[in-house]
C-alpha atoms as a PDB file:
ATOM      1  CA  UNK A   1     -29.695 137.229 -58.163  1.00  0.00           C
ATOM      2  CA  UNK A   2     -30.793 135.593 -61.397  1.00  0.00           C
ATOM      3  CA  UNK A   3     -30.984 131.850 -61.740  1.00  0.00           C
ATOM      4  CA  UNK A   4     -28.258 130.372 -63.902  1.00  0.00           C
ATOM      5  CA  UNK A   5     -29.064 128.265 -66.934  1.00  0.00           C
ATOM      6  CA  UNK A   6     -27.129 125.589 -68.779  1.00  0.00           C
ATOM      7  CA  UNK A   7     -26.723 126.506 -72.452  1.00  0.00           C
ATOM      8  CA  UNK A   8     -26.385 123.919 -75.212  1.00  0.00           C
ATOM      9  CA  UNK A   9     -25.342 125.402 -78.560  1.00  0.00           C
ATOM     10  CA  UNK A  10     -25.949 122.954 -81.401  1.00  0.00           C
ATOM     11  CA  UNK A  11     -27.820 123.247 -84.678  1.00  0.00           C
ATOM     12  CA  UNK A  12     -28.575 119.525 -85.204  1.00  0.00           C
ATOM     13  CA  UNK A  13     -28.447 117.398 -82.065  1.00  0.00           C
ATOM     14  CA  UNK A  14     -31.194 116.974 -79.472  1.00  0.00           C
ATOM     15  CA  UNK A  15     -30.857 119.158 -76.406  1.00  0.00           C
ATOM     16  CA  UNK A  16     -30.046 117.242 -73.210  1.00  0.00           C
ATOM     17  CA  UNK A  17     -32.317 117.502 -70.185  1.00  0.00           C
ATOM     18  CA  UNK A  18     -31.519 120.463 -67.978  1.00  0.00           C
ATOM     19  CA  UNK A  19     -30.228 122.657 -70.821  1.00  0.00           C
ATOM     20  CA  UNK A  20     -31.602 125.516 -72.890  1.00  0.00           C
ATOM     21  CA  UNK A  21     -30.784 125.129 -76.585  1.00  0.00           C
ATOM     22  CA  UNK A  22     -29.515 127.744 -79.027  1.00  0.00           C
ATOM     23  CA  UNK A  23     -29.666 126.585 -82.645  1.00  0.00           C
ATOM     24  CA  UNK A  24     -27.733 129.509 -84.151  1.00  0.00           C
ATOM     25  CA  UNK A  25     -24.819 131.746 -83.283  1.00  0.00           C
ATOM     26  CA  UNK A  26     -27.255 134.654 -82.981  1.00  0.00           C
ATOM     27  CA  UNK A  27     -29.489 132.807 -80.498  1.00  0.00           C
ATOM     28  CA  UNK A  28     -26.445 131.897 -78.410  1.00  0.00           C
ATOM     29  CA  UNK A  29     -25.210 135.504 -78.295  1.00  0.00           C
ATOM     30  CA  UNK A  30     -28.656 136.759 -77.281  1.00  0.00           C
ATOM     31  CA  UNK A  31     -28.886 134.222 -74.456  1.00  0.00           C
ATOM     32  CA  UNK A  32     -25.351 134.982 -73.275  1.00  0.00           C
ATOM     33  CA  UNK A  33     -26.172 138.696 -73.180  1.00  0.00           C
ATOM     34  CA  UNK A  34     -29.415 138.255 -71.246  1.00  0.00           C
ATOM     35  CA  UNK A  35     -28.929 135.239 -68.955  1.00  0.00           C
ATOM     36  CA  UNK A  36     -26.381 133.952 -66.503  1.00  0.00           C
ATOM     37  CA  UNK A  37     -24.894 130.693 -67.765  1.00  0.00           C
ATOM     38  CA  UNK A  38     -23.545 128.012 -65.434  1.00  0.00           C
ATOM     39  CA  UNK A  39     -22.580 125.416 -68.054  1.00  0.00           C
ATOM     40  CA  UNK A  40     -21.919 126.147 -71.733  1.00  0.00           C
ATOM     41  CA  UNK A  41     -21.508 123.443 -74.367  1.00  0.00           C
ATOM     42  CA  UNK A  42     -20.469 124.433 -77.888  1.00  0.00           C
ATOM     43  CA  UNK A  43     -20.953 122.603 -81.167  1.00  0.00           C
ATOM     44  CA  UNK A  44     -17.596 122.267 -82.946  1.00  0.00           C
ATOM     45  CA  UNK A  45     -19.215 122.565 -86.404  1.00  0.00           C
ATOM     46  CA  UNK A  46     -22.116 124.951 -85.820  1.00  0.00           C
ATOM     47  CA  UNK A  47     -23.675 125.959 -89.112  1.00  0.00           C
ATOM     48  CA  UNK A  48     -22.373 123.049 -91.206  1.00  0.00           C
ATOM     49  CA  UNK A  49     -24.467 120.205 -92.526  1.00  0.00           C
ATOM     50  CA  UNK A  50     -23.481 116.541 -92.139  1.00  0.00           C
ATOM     51  CA  UNK A  51     -21.180 116.855 -95.183  1.00  0.00           C
ATOM     52  CA  UNK A  52     -19.369 119.892 -93.761  1.00  0.00           C
ATOM     53  CA  UNK A  53     -21.059 122.364 -96.099  1.00  0.00           C
ATOM     54  CA  UNK A  54     -21.742 125.775 -94.513  1.00  0.00           C
ATOM     55  CA  UNK A  55     -25.451 126.401 -93.964  1.00  0.00           C
ATOM     56  CA  UNK A  56     -26.611 129.990 -93.661  1.00  0.00           C
END
């Protein structure tokens, strides 16, 4: 049985202790496909800058 990780998906904020960070949608998908996740936190504005402009 694989150990579960806690996944923190956010492109700007610091990652809390005890979590693995994914800074992009693509990183998050890769982690979700290859690891077991116990806790998942999602950024509500992933990929937008502080003014709400989409960053690619």
